[in-house]
Protein backbone atom coordinates (compact mmCIF):
# COMPACT_ATOMS: atom_id res chain seq x y z
CA MET A 1 179.04 15.59 -209.02
CA SER A 2 179.27 12.87 -207.26
CA LYS A 3 177.14 9.82 -208.13
CA HIS A 4 177.29 8.52 -204.39
CA SER A 5 176.02 11.76 -203.08
CA ARG A 6 172.91 11.81 -200.63
CA LEU A 7 170.91 13.38 -203.54
CA TYR A 8 171.85 11.00 -205.98
CA THR A 9 170.80 8.02 -203.54
CA ILE A 10 167.35 10.14 -203.17
CA PHE A 11 167.25 10.30 -207.15
CA VAL A 12 167.76 6.40 -207.60
CA ASN A 13 165.76 5.32 -204.64
CA MET A 14 162.93 7.59 -206.24
CA LYS A 15 162.96 5.59 -209.44
CA LYS A 16 163.46 2.52 -207.97
CA ARG A 17 160.21 2.62 -205.75
CA CYS A 18 158.13 3.57 -208.87
CA LEU A 19 160.13 1.67 -211.74
CA LYS A 20 161.27 -1.49 -210.38
CA ALA A 21 158.88 -4.24 -209.42
CA TYR A 22 161.54 -6.06 -207.02
CA CYS A 23 161.83 -3.13 -204.85
CA LYS A 24 160.39 -3.61 -201.50
CA ASP A 25 158.43 -0.52 -201.62
CA PHE A 26 157.22 -0.68 -205.07
CA LYS A 27 153.72 -2.01 -204.02
CA ASN A 28 153.13 1.37 -202.39
CA TYR A 29 154.50 3.51 -205.26
CA GLY A 30 154.73 2.03 -208.60
CA GLY A 31 152.34 -0.85 -207.75
CA ARG A 32 149.86 1.86 -207.44
CA GLY A 33 150.23 3.75 -210.70
CA ILE A 34 152.91 6.41 -208.86
CA THR A 35 155.66 7.25 -211.38
CA VAL A 36 158.41 9.56 -212.05
CA CYS A 37 157.93 12.21 -214.66
CA ALA A 38 159.56 11.93 -218.00
CA GLU A 39 162.03 14.65 -217.37
CA TRP A 40 163.61 13.01 -214.21
CA ALA A 41 163.13 9.62 -215.58
CA ASP A 42 165.29 10.34 -218.90
CA THR A 43 168.08 7.49 -218.98
CA GLU A 44 169.70 9.17 -222.24
CA ASN A 45 173.29 9.67 -220.91
CA ILE A 46 175.31 12.90 -221.53
CA ARG A 47 178.47 14.11 -220.78
CA VAL A 48 178.96 16.43 -218.04
CA ASP A 49 182.17 17.52 -216.56
CA GLY A 50 184.12 14.74 -218.25
CA LYS A 51 181.78 12.16 -216.73
CA TYR A 52 178.75 10.51 -218.23
CA CYS A 53 175.54 10.80 -216.22
CA SER A 54 171.65 10.53 -217.38
CA LYS A 55 169.73 13.60 -218.46
CA GLY A 56 167.18 12.60 -215.79
CA TRP A 57 169.67 12.85 -213.00
CA ILE A 58 170.62 16.39 -214.16
CA HIS A 59 167.26 17.63 -214.49
CA PHE A 60 166.41 16.18 -210.76
CA LYS A 61 169.66 17.71 -209.54
CA GLU A 62 169.29 21.06 -210.75
CA TRP A 63 165.51 21.18 -209.73
CA ALA A 64 166.39 20.05 -206.30
CA LEU A 65 168.86 22.62 -206.14
CA ALA A 66 166.99 25.41 -207.38
CA ASN A 67 164.02 24.25 -204.85
CA GLY A 68 165.52 24.22 -201.42
CA TYR A 69 167.32 20.63 -201.10
CA ALA A 70 169.22 20.72 -198.07
CA ASP A 71 170.75 17.67 -196.32
CA ASN A 72 168.54 17.69 -193.46
CA LEU A 73 165.49 17.55 -195.75
CA THR A 74 163.75 14.79 -197.45
CA LEU A 75 161.94 14.58 -200.65
CA ASP A 76 158.09 14.63 -200.51
CA ARG A 77 155.08 14.35 -202.82
CA ILE A 78 152.74 17.06 -202.06
CA ASP A 79 149.71 15.08 -203.20
CA THR A 80 150.64 11.35 -202.02
CA ASN A 81 148.25 10.25 -205.00
CA LYS A 82 150.41 12.01 -207.84
CA ASP A 83 153.92 11.16 -209.47
CA TYR A 84 156.87 12.59 -208.62
CA SER A 85 157.53 15.70 -210.85
CA PRO A 86 158.82 19.24 -209.99
CA ASN A 87 155.07 20.43 -209.90
CA ASN A 88 154.44 17.83 -207.04
CA CYS A 89 157.52 17.77 -205.14
CA ARG A 90 159.26 19.62 -202.28
CA TRP A 91 162.14 19.48 -199.79
CA VAL A 92 160.70 19.21 -196.18
CA SER A 93 161.30 18.20 -192.70
CA SER A 94 160.77 14.43 -191.62
CA LYS A 95 158.16 16.04 -189.45
CA VAL A 96 156.16 17.55 -192.57
CA GLN A 97 156.68 14.51 -194.50
CA ASN A 98 155.38 12.34 -191.78
CA ASN A 99 151.88 14.30 -191.71
CA ASN A 100 151.81 13.78 -195.36
CA ARG A 101 151.26 10.13 -195.45
CA ARG A 102 148.35 8.15 -197.05
CA ASN A 103 147.69 6.16 -193.63
CA ASN A 104 147.69 9.20 -191.26
CA PHE A 105 144.83 9.55 -188.92
CA LEU A 106 142.91 12.44 -190.13
CA ILE A 107 140.56 14.66 -187.46
CA THR A 108 138.19 16.88 -188.62
CA TYR A 109 136.83 19.64 -186.14
CA ASN A 110 134.94 22.60 -186.70
CA GLY A 111 135.76 22.29 -190.50
CA VAL A 112 139.41 22.08 -189.83
CA THR A 113 141.31 18.55 -190.83
CA LYS A 114 144.68 17.73 -189.39
CA THR A 115 146.75 14.85 -188.88
CA LEU A 116 146.36 13.37 -185.09
CA GLN A 117 150.10 14.61 -184.79
CA GLN A 118 149.36 17.80 -185.65
CA TRP A 119 146.28 18.50 -183.41
CA ALA A 120 148.56 16.91 -180.36
CA ASP A 121 151.07 19.19 -181.12
CA ASP A 122 148.74 22.15 -181.38
CA LEU A 123 146.86 21.12 -178.21
CA LYS A 124 150.21 20.21 -176.56
CA ILE A 125 149.37 16.73 -175.64
CA HIS A 126 150.80 13.58 -176.67
CA LYS A 127 149.51 11.96 -179.45
CA ASN A 128 148.85 8.67 -177.69
CA THR A 129 146.52 10.27 -175.27
CA LEU A 130 144.61 11.92 -178.23
CA ARG A 131 144.43 8.66 -180.02
CA ASN A 132 143.48 6.70 -176.64
CA ARG A 133 140.50 9.04 -176.11
CA LEU A 134 139.19 8.60 -179.59
CA LEU A 135 139.75 4.78 -179.38
CA ARG A 136 137.44 4.74 -176.07
CA GLY A 137 134.68 6.34 -178.01
CA TRP A 138 135.07 9.77 -177.25
CA SER A 139 133.67 12.32 -179.45
CA VAL A 140 136.15 14.22 -181.40
CA GLU A 141 135.30 17.62 -179.44
CA ARG A 142 135.41 15.79 -176.14
CA ALA A 143 139.00 14.53 -177.05
CA LEU A 144 140.30 17.79 -178.39
CA ILE A 145 138.98 19.81 -175.73
CA ALA A 146 139.47 17.45 -172.60
CA LYS A 147 141.93 18.92 -169.89
CA LEU A 148 144.91 16.57 -169.12
CA ASN A 149 144.60 15.05 -165.81
């Protein structure tokens, strides 16, 4: 149960972003009202395997290991406007996480909304090609269905 494991670092950084105003990322998390659920924020120390650690860490670690944690995945909030909690978090690839950002360029076509990157992936065109078409004033339909030259 190394406190310097990748999982422990993720846990500490999650709490820091939400609870520590000095953190450079606080404005995007705690500063927006995003917090950590009481279960994961619990700072009461308990003895486990001869070492002391917080109950919050134990709860977070148990949740992580039971819900797909792997060294190649990142912690992602399903709803970016809600708190870190077992019901709003998941382990995903960096690509999935990058498509779940508040500042993504969302495009809706025929009632389907996807990020610019998702549309580009689906259509097998570079995201910059799609972005440039839209910035030049092309309609969404034209930008999505135009053939590459």
